Each structure stands twice: as structure tokens, then as C-alpha cells.
């Protein structure tokens, strides 16, 4: 029997989690989807939509098939961990979810997914894929989820379905994203492309043109600065674990809709005064594990900021007005998380008034500093 999680959908809608480190996406089980706006019962109902009819109505003359070794049930085909070196044949044409992760597939051929017009989600995670035929995804008119992480891709696959909402291509060998790489993907909401050896120069002008993303992660890459040509629509941007040296004045001017910004585990020594002023809607800011020597200027003016990670830096003092505005009522939401541990600052030297706009004293995290 397939695990219950095989029917859960990963909806990449933006929501602020409780304070935690921004970690690379990991798919821990079969179809690591998480439910948001629909429950499992609704998902099951979607699978047996009366307007679509039953599988027997769609293909009345076909004998039910299932690739050898795979499990096929309720339009879910699970073919993971079977040592396949190519996409198997005899995949039922009414398949909604196809799991091919943890195999040894090296290439996606033109007709591998022929006839799978109902496919909604496809996992090719953790294979050896280095080549994708430019027309391989043409039949997949309704696919919304594509998991392509942990492969050997050097470029973004071409002719991705216009219906695609989410693509995860982290841990590949992508060094360049050319102009128009995501052209026509007007429904795209979420891109995870961390752990690729891509530098700032690898993003050609217009690489993300036309996209209206909510979520983008380019962590664990080789960025030395904040990319300046990402979608303006972003609500979450994760650039953790890069080699960013500083945040300059205009670096964030394009991203006024951000709710969450991850810049942890970089080499940031300086955040130019005024560079954070563009982020008027920001709720959560990760600047932990950098080389900052002071609290960044501009935090008191961020009316909706609730969580700030500044731990594991070189901050030696905290001023009375570093976090909170001077005027009463200027901040719309109180802080519910400020981390300052692993900094050379003595908490007994910090004036209590420095945290006058914090919801609770337990929201402030100091700790021992070790050289």
C-alpha cells in the first residue's frame, strides 16, 4: 500500500514559518507534498473527478498496465529505487503522479512521456540525468510539479509546460541561465535552484523575464552579490550559503514585495545604510553566520519586521535604538524573535530599552560567545 503522503500536494504559497534556519529543500519521502488549501479527501475527490470519468471511460479498450516492478494505484505510479536506467514503458495514460526518483536514468528521450496528458506531478530526483530532449515535456499539458534535483543537468530543460507551477532543480551542474530560459511559464510560482555552481554572471539579462514568482532559492551557489534582475513579484528570496561580501544601496531596490529574505552563511561585512529601506513589507530577515560588526542600520524603520537572525557574527555592541523606532506607535508589529547569540556582545551591557518593541523577553536570544 502506498504511504498516505503520496496524495499530498506541495503548494508553494508564501507563508512565514516559525523562526528557523533556511535550509535547502529535501524530499524525504514519496511525493513530499504538503497540504495547504485542500485536504486529503479533496485531493482524492480530484483524482476521481466525475467530469473526467473513470479510467475505463477514458480508455475503454485498454487492459490496465503497470511498468514491471512499479506500483500503480489510484493514478499514482511509484517506480522509485528500482535501478532503472531509462524511463519505463507501459505507464498508464491516466497517471496523475509519476515517481521515478532514486534510479539510474541518464537521459530523458523525446517519447518517454508520450500520451501522459493527465500528468500533474513528476519526480526525477536523484538520478544521473544529463540530457533532456527538447520535446520530452511537450505532451505534459497539465503538469504543475517537476522535481529534477540531484541530477547532472548543465542547463535548464527546454520547452517546459506552460502549466508548470513549481520546479526544483537544485544540486545539478547548472552554470548559466540564458535569457528566456523560463519564457512562457506564466503560472510559475516557485523555483528551487540552489546548490548549482552558478555565479552572478551566469544569469543573463532577461533570464527571469515574465515570471511572477513568489519563491526563489539560489542558496549554496557561487554568488558574490545580490542578483539584480530577479522577479519583482518575489515574496521569499533565499541566497544563503553563498559568497556575498556586502549589500549595497541599490541591491534590494527591486524587491519591494519581499516578506522573507535569507542572507545567512555568507561573507557579509557591510550593509550599506538605506539598502534595507526598500523592504517595507519584510517580516523575516536572516543575516546569521556572516561577518557583521554592528546591527544593520534601518531596522527601526521596518514596520512589519518580526524576526531578525544576527547570531554568529562579530557584533560587539547593541545600541538603544538599533531595533526599535524612537516614536511610539511607529512599528505595526512587535518582534517575536531576535537572535544575537555567538556574538562578542555582553548582554548585561545592553540597555533593556533596546528591546522595548519586542513582544516577550524570551524572544531575545543571547548566548555564550566563543572565539
Protein backbone atom coordinates (compact mmCIF):
# COMPACT_ATOMS: atom_id res chain seq x y z
CA UNK A 1 0.00 0.00 0.00
CA UNK A 2 1.32 3.43 -0.86
CA UNK A 3 2.04 5.71 2.09
CA UNK A 4 -0.61 8.30 2.84
CA UNK A 5 1.77 11.09 1.87
CA UNK A 6 1.60 10.03 -1.75
CA UNK A 7 -1.62 12.00 -2.06
CA UNK A 8 -0.36 15.24 -0.57
CA UNK A 9 0.45 18.21 -2.79
CA UNK A 10 3.26 20.63 -2.14
CA UNK A 11 1.74 24.09 -2.53
CA UNK A 12 4.45 26.74 -2.69
CA UNK A 13 2.24 29.53 -1.36
CA UNK A 14 4.15 32.00 0.75
CA UNK A 15 3.71 31.76 4.47
CA UNK A 16 6.03 32.75 7.25
CA UNK A 17 7.21 29.77 9.28
CA UNK A 18 8.26 29.90 12.86
CA UNK A 19 11.85 31.17 13.22
CA UNK A 20 14.20 28.57 11.84
CA UNK A 21 17.23 28.39 9.60
CA UNK A 22 16.55 28.49 5.88
CA UNK A 23 17.71 25.09 4.74
CA UNK A 24 17.85 23.60 1.24
CA UNK A 25 14.77 21.67 0.18
CA UNK A 26 14.91 17.97 0.93
CA UNK A 27 12.36 15.49 -0.29
CA UNK A 28 12.22 12.92 2.48
CA UNK A 29 9.55 10.58 1.24
CA UNK A 30 7.46 9.58 -1.73
CA UNK A 31 5.94 12.81 -3.08
CA UNK A 32 6.94 15.03 -0.23
CA UNK A 33 3.99 17.28 -0.83
CA UNK A 34 2.40 19.29 1.97
CA UNK A 35 -1.25 20.20 2.12
CA UNK A 36 -2.33 23.82 2.20
CA UNK A 37 -5.71 24.82 0.80
CA UNK A 38 -7.13 21.33 0.32
CA UNK A 39 -7.20 18.23 2.47
CA UNK A 40 -6.57 14.64 1.52
CA UNK A 41 -10.25 13.95 0.98
CA UNK A 42 -10.47 16.80 -1.55
CA UNK A 43 -7.35 15.51 -3.27
CA UNK A 44 -8.91 12.07 -3.60
CA UNK A 45 -12.03 13.70 -4.98
CA UNK A 46 -9.89 15.50 -7.57
CA UNK A 47 -8.46 12.16 -8.66
CA UNK A 48 -11.92 10.79 -9.34
CA UNK A 49 -13.45 13.93 -10.83
CA UNK A 50 -16.79 12.82 -12.34
CA UNK A 51 -16.30 15.23 -15.24
CA UNK A 52 -13.19 13.32 -16.23
CA UNK A 53 -14.94 9.98 -15.87
CA UNK A 54 -13.26 6.79 -14.81
CA UNK A 55 -10.18 5.30 -16.38
CA UNK A 56 -12.45 2.75 -18.02
CA UNK A 57 -14.48 5.54 -19.64
CA UNK A 58 -11.37 7.24 -20.99
CA UNK A 59 -9.66 4.12 -22.31
CA UNK A 60 -12.42 1.51 -22.71
CA UNK A 61 -10.43 -0.88 -24.87
CA UNK A 62 -7.19 -0.90 -22.89
CA UNK A 63 -6.11 -3.55 -20.43
CA UNK A 64 -4.73 -1.91 -17.25
CA UNK A 65 -0.94 -1.81 -17.35
CA UNK A 66 1.84 -1.02 -14.91
CA UNK A 67 5.60 -0.95 -15.54
CA UNK A 68 7.34 -4.06 -14.26
CA UNK A 69 8.37 -3.67 -10.64
CA UNK A 70 6.35 -0.47 -10.11
CA UNK A 71 3.25 0.04 -8.01
CA UNK A 72 0.21 1.59 -9.68
CA UNK A 73 -2.80 2.67 -7.66
CA UNK A 74 -5.35 5.49 -7.96
CA UNK A 75 -3.46 7.09 -10.84
CA UNK A 76 -0.24 7.16 -8.83
CA UNK A 77 2.70 5.25 -10.34
CA UNK A 78 5.61 4.65 -8.00
CA UNK A 79 8.79 3.45 -9.70
CA UNK A 80 11.43 4.71 -7.27
CA UNK A 81 14.52 2.79 -6.13
CA UNK A 82 14.33 0.15 -8.84
CA UNK A 83 17.63 0.70 -10.65
CA UNK A 84 16.02 1.85 -13.90
CA UNK A 85 18.47 3.25 -16.45
CA UNK A 86 15.69 4.70 -18.61
CA UNK A 87 12.08 5.75 -18.21
CA UNK A 88 10.00 2.56 -18.17
CA UNK A 89 7.32 1.81 -20.76
CA UNK A 90 3.68 0.85 -20.14
CA UNK A 91 2.96 3.80 -17.87
CA UNK A 92 -0.85 4.11 -17.64
CA UNK A 93 -2.08 7.04 -19.71
CA UNK A 94 -4.34 8.31 -16.92
CA UNK A 95 -1.41 8.69 -14.49
CA UNK A 96 -1.54 11.80 -12.31
CA UNK A 97 1.68 11.31 -10.31
CA UNK A 98 4.81 9.56 -11.56
CA UNK A 99 7.67 8.85 -9.17
CA UNK A 100 10.98 7.91 -10.80
CA UNK A 101 13.34 9.15 -8.11
CA UNK A 102 16.39 7.27 -6.85
CA UNK A 103 17.10 5.39 -10.07
CA UNK A 104 19.99 5.47 -12.57
CA UNK A 105 18.27 7.16 -15.50
CA UNK A 106 20.79 9.04 -17.65
CA UNK A 107 18.65 10.59 -20.37
CA UNK A 108 15.08 11.75 -20.99
CA UNK A 109 14.10 10.85 -24.55
CA UNK A 110 11.53 12.51 -26.81
CA UNK A 111 8.78 9.92 -26.36
CA UNK A 112 9.36 8.95 -22.73
CA UNK A 113 6.17 10.70 -21.59
CA UNK A 114 4.12 10.35 -24.76
CA UNK A 115 0.40 10.13 -24.04
CA UNK A 116 0.66 11.22 -20.39
CA UNK A 117 -1.53 14.26 -20.92
CA UNK A 118 -3.10 13.99 -17.45
CA UNK A 119 0.19 14.01 -15.54
CA UNK A 120 0.16 16.52 -12.68
CA UNK A 121 3.42 15.78 -10.87
CA UNK A 122 6.72 14.18 -11.94
CA UNK A 123 9.69 13.31 -9.73
CA UNK A 124 13.02 12.57 -11.42
CA UNK A 125 15.01 13.37 -8.30
CA UNK A 126 18.35 11.66 -7.64
CA UNK A 127 19.13 10.11 -10.99
CA UNK A 128 22.07 10.57 -13.40
CA UNK A 129 20.25 12.67 -15.98
CA UNK A 130 22.49 14.90 -18.07
CA UNK A 131 20.46 15.12 -21.27
CA UNK A 132 16.81 16.05 -21.86
CA UNK A 133 15.30 16.00 -25.34
CA UNK A 134 13.87 19.47 -26.14
CA UNK A 135 10.43 17.96 -26.87
CA UNK A 136 10.30 15.50 -23.97
CA UNK A 137 7.83 17.56 -21.93
CA UNK A 138 5.60 18.68 -24.84
CA UNK A 139 2.89 16.05 -24.14
CA UNK A 140 2.57 17.09 -20.47
CA UNK A 141 -0.04 19.80 -20.99
CA UNK A 142 -1.28 19.79 -17.39
CA UNK A 143 1.87 19.14 -15.36
CA UNK A 144 2.33 21.54 -12.45
CA UNK A 145 5.10 19.96 -10.32
CA UNK A 146 8.52 18.93 -11.62
CA UNK A 147 11.23 17.66 -9.27
CA UNK A 148 14.57 17.42 -11.08
CA UNK A 149 17.03 17.84 -8.20
CA UNK A 150 20.21 15.80 -7.68
CA UNK A 151 20.99 15.10 -11.30
CA UNK A 152 23.73 16.12 -13.77
CA UNK A 153 21.92 18.87 -15.70
CA UNK A 154 24.08 21.69 -17.05
CA UNK A 155 21.19 23.78 -18.44
CA UNK A 156 17.53 24.45 -17.74
CA UNK A 157 15.43 21.93 -19.73
CA UNK A 158 13.78 23.47 -22.79
CA UNK A 159 10.08 23.70 -23.64
CA UNK A 160 8.82 23.23 -20.10
CA UNK A 161 5.00 23.00 -19.93
CA UNK A 162 3.20 26.35 -19.68
CA UNK A 163 1.10 24.83 -16.89
CA UNK A 164 4.13 24.39 -14.62
CA UNK A 165 3.76 25.97 -11.17
CA UNK A 166 6.82 24.61 -9.39
CA UNK A 167 10.23 23.34 -10.46
CA UNK A 168 13.04 22.10 -8.22
CA UNK A 169 16.38 21.72 -9.97
CA UNK A 170 18.82 22.12 -7.09
CA UNK A 171 22.01 20.06 -6.84
CA UNK A 172 22.76 19.90 -10.54
CA UNK A 173 25.64 21.37 -12.58
CA UNK A 174 23.92 24.44 -13.97
CA UNK A 175 26.33 27.34 -14.53
CA UNK A 176 24.25 29.51 -16.81
CA UNK A 177 20.62 30.63 -17.07
CA UNK A 178 20.16 32.18 -20.52
CA UNK A 179 17.67 34.88 -21.45
CA UNK A 180 14.23 33.38 -21.94
CA UNK A 181 15.03 30.17 -20.06
CA UNK A 182 11.61 30.34 -18.40
CA UNK A 183 9.74 32.01 -21.27
CA UNK A 184 6.02 31.31 -21.40
CA UNK A 185 5.82 29.97 -17.83
CA UNK A 186 3.25 32.50 -16.67
CA UNK A 187 1.91 30.16 -13.97
CA UNK A 188 5.28 29.53 -12.35
CA UNK A 189 5.22 30.28 -8.65
CA UNK A 190 8.23 28.54 -7.12
CA UNK A 191 11.78 27.81 -8.31
CA UNK A 192 14.35 25.99 -6.18
CA UNK A 193 17.75 26.04 -7.90
CA UNK A 194 20.24 26.05 -5.07
CA UNK A 195 23.45 24.02 -4.96
CA UNK A 196 24.35 24.74 -8.57
CA UNK A 197 27.81 26.19 -9.37
CA UNK A 198 26.35 29.40 -10.78
CA UNK A 199 27.92 32.84 -10.42
CA UNK A 200 26.28 36.26 -10.77
CA UNK A 201 27.49 36.44 -14.35
CA UNK A 202 25.70 33.17 -15.08
CA UNK A 203 22.32 34.92 -15.10
CA UNK A 204 21.89 36.57 -18.47
CA UNK A 205 19.73 39.73 -18.63
CA UNK A 206 16.15 38.59 -19.06
CA UNK A 207 16.74 35.14 -17.57
CA UNK A 208 13.64 35.50 -15.38
CA UNK A 209 11.69 37.82 -17.69
CA UNK A 210 7.92 37.42 -17.48
CA UNK A 211 7.93 35.30 -14.32
CA UNK A 212 5.70 36.22 -11.39
CA UNK A 213 7.37 34.11 -8.75
CA UNK A 214 6.57 34.07 -5.07
CA UNK A 215 9.50 31.87 -4.03
CA UNK A 216 13.09 31.63 -5.30
CA UNK A 217 16.05 29.88 -3.72
CA UNK A 218 19.60 30.21 -5.10
CA UNK A 219 21.42 29.02 -2.00
CA UNK A 220 24.73 27.13 -1.96
CA UNK A 221 25.87 28.64 -5.24
CA UNK A 222 28.81 30.91 -6.07
CA UNK A 223 27.14 34.31 -5.84
CA UNK A 224 29.30 37.21 -4.68
CA UNK A 225 26.49 39.77 -4.66
CA UNK A 226 22.71 40.03 -4.62
CA UNK A 227 21.42 39.36 -8.16
CA UNK A 228 19.74 42.48 -9.55
CA UNK A 229 17.43 41.09 -12.24
CA UNK A 230 15.21 38.68 -10.33
CA UNK A 231 11.38 38.88 -10.48
CA UNK A 232 9.91 41.90 -8.71
CA UNK A 233 6.99 39.81 -7.50
CA UNK A 234 9.08 37.74 -5.07
CA UNK A 235 7.80 37.22 -1.53
CA UNK A 236 10.61 34.89 -0.48
CA UNK A 237 14.23 35.08 -1.62
CA UNK A 238 16.87 32.72 -0.22
CA UNK A 239 20.51 33.43 -1.03
CA UNK A 240 22.04 31.61 1.95
CA UNK A 241 25.38 29.79 1.78
CA UNK A 242 26.95 31.93 -0.94
CA UNK A 243 29.98 34.23 -1.05
CA UNK A 244 28.19 37.59 -0.86
CA UNK A 245 30.53 40.24 0.56
CA UNK A 246 28.20 43.21 1.07
CA UNK A 247 24.70 44.56 0.49
CA UNK A 248 24.96 47.79 -1.48
CA UNK A 249 22.45 50.63 -1.64
CA UNK A 250 20.52 49.57 -4.75
CA UNK A 251 20.87 45.80 -4.37
CA UNK A 252 17.38 45.31 -2.93
CA UNK A 253 15.56 48.21 -4.59
CA UNK A 254 13.77 45.84 -6.98
CA UNK A 255 12.37 43.53 -4.31
CA UNK A 256 9.81 45.67 -2.51
CA UNK A 257 7.34 42.81 -2.08
CA UNK A 258 9.64 40.58 -0.05
CA UNK A 259 8.26 39.05 3.14
CA UNK A 260 11.29 36.90 3.85
CA UNK A 261 14.95 37.37 2.91
CA UNK A 262 17.68 34.81 3.58
CA UNK A 263 21.29 36.01 3.50
CA UNK A 264 22.74 33.73 6.17
CA UNK A 265 26.06 31.92 5.83
CA UNK A 266 27.70 34.47 3.55
CA UNK A 267 30.74 36.75 3.99
CA UNK A 268 28.80 39.97 4.53
CA UNK A 269 30.78 42.62 6.38
CA UNK A 270 28.75 45.66 5.48
CA UNK A 271 25.12 46.52 4.78
CA UNK A 272 25.02 50.00 3.32
CA UNK A 273 22.82 52.48 5.13
CA UNK A 274 19.50 52.78 3.30
CA UNK A 275 19.73 49.46 1.48
CA UNK A 276 17.01 47.91 3.69
CA UNK A 277 14.65 50.87 3.29
CA UNK A 278 13.13 49.34 0.15
CA UNK A 279 11.88 46.28 2.03
CA UNK A 280 8.84 47.92 3.61
CA UNK A 281 6.85 44.66 3.80
CA UNK A 282 9.63 42.43 5.17
CA UNK A 283 8.67 40.13 8.06
CA UNK A 284 11.78 37.98 8.45
CA UNK A 285 15.47 38.72 7.85
CA UNK A 286 18.28 36.16 8.04
CA UNK A 287 21.78 37.62 8.43
CA UNK A 288 23.26 34.96 10.69
CA UNK A 289 26.72 33.47 10.18
CA UNK A 290 28.24 36.48 8.46
CA UNK A 291 30.96 38.98 9.43
CA UNK A 292 28.88 41.94 10.59
CA UNK A 293 30.39 44.09 13.32
CA UNK A 294 27.22 46.05 14.11
CA UNK A 295 23.45 45.75 13.89
CA UNK A 296 22.42 46.84 10.36
CA UNK A 297 21.02 50.34 10.11
CA UNK A 298 17.41 50.76 9.12
CA UNK A 299 15.76 48.04 11.21
CA UNK A 300 13.68 50.50 13.31
CA UNK A 301 12.02 51.81 10.15
CA UNK A 302 10.81 48.36 9.06
CA UNK A 303 7.28 48.48 10.46
CA UNK A 304 6.38 44.83 9.91
CA UNK A 305 9.68 43.14 10.72
CA UNK A 306 9.13 40.38 13.28
CA UNK A 307 12.19 38.08 13.11
CA UNK A 308 15.87 39.03 12.77
CA UNK A 309 18.68 36.47 12.81
CA UNK A 310 22.02 38.09 13.66
CA UNK A 311 23.70 35.26 15.53
CA UNK A 312 27.24 34.09 14.72
CA UNK A 313 28.59 37.47 13.59
CA UNK A 314 31.15 39.85 15.10
CA UNK A 315 28.70 42.28 16.69
CA UNK A 316 30.25 43.75 19.85
CA UNK A 317 27.57 46.23 20.92
CA UNK A 318 23.85 46.91 20.63
CA UNK A 319 22.57 50.48 20.70
CA UNK A 320 19.35 51.52 22.39
CA UNK A 321 17.79 52.44 19.02
CA UNK A 322 19.22 49.66 16.86
CA UNK A 323 15.96 47.69 16.68
CA UNK A 324 13.09 49.90 17.78
CA UNK A 325 11.83 53.25 16.46
CA UNK A 326 12.02 56.25 18.72
CA UNK A 327 8.43 57.31 18.24
CA UNK A 328 5.54 55.46 19.87
CA UNK A 329 3.21 53.52 17.56
CA UNK A 330 5.51 53.70 14.53
CA UNK A 331 6.05 49.93 14.47
CA UNK A 332 2.98 47.96 13.37
CA UNK A 333 4.11 44.58 14.73
CA UNK A 334 6.35 43.68 17.66
CA UNK A 335 9.38 41.46 17.21
CA UNK A 336 8.84 37.85 18.20
CA UNK A 337 12.40 36.72 17.53
CA UNK A 338 15.83 38.41 17.72
CA UNK A 339 18.89 36.14 17.79
CA UNK A 340 22.21 37.60 18.91
CA UNK A 341 23.99 34.60 20.37
CA UNK A 342 27.54 33.76 19.29
CA UNK A 343 28.49 37.45 19.07
CA UNK A 344 31.12 39.23 21.20
CA UNK A 345 28.46 41.36 22.92
CA UNK A 346 27.83 41.22 26.65
CA UNK A 347 24.11 41.07 27.29
CA UNK A 348 24.44 42.86 30.62
CA UNK A 349 25.81 45.88 28.78
CA UNK A 350 22.75 46.17 26.55
CA UNK A 351 20.08 48.57 27.82
CA UNK A 352 16.68 46.92 28.31
CA UNK A 353 15.10 49.78 26.34
CA UNK A 354 16.84 48.45 23.22
CA UNK A 355 14.14 45.76 23.13
CA UNK A 356 11.13 47.91 24.02
CA UNK A 357 9.33 46.76 20.84
CA UNK A 358 9.83 43.04 21.46
CA UNK A 359 6.73 41.02 22.33
CA UNK A 360 8.35 38.89 25.03
CA UNK A 361 11.72 38.72 26.74
CA UNK A 362 12.06 35.09 25.69
CA UNK A 363 12.06 36.26 22.09
CA UNK A 364 15.58 37.65 22.58
CA UNK A 365 18.31 35.06 22.22
CA UNK A 366 21.69 35.87 23.68
CA UNK A 367 24.30 33.24 24.47
CA UNK A 368 27.91 32.44 25.12
CA UNK A 369 30.45 33.77 22.68
CA UNK A 370 33.38 31.53 21.79
CA UNK A 371 36.34 32.78 19.83
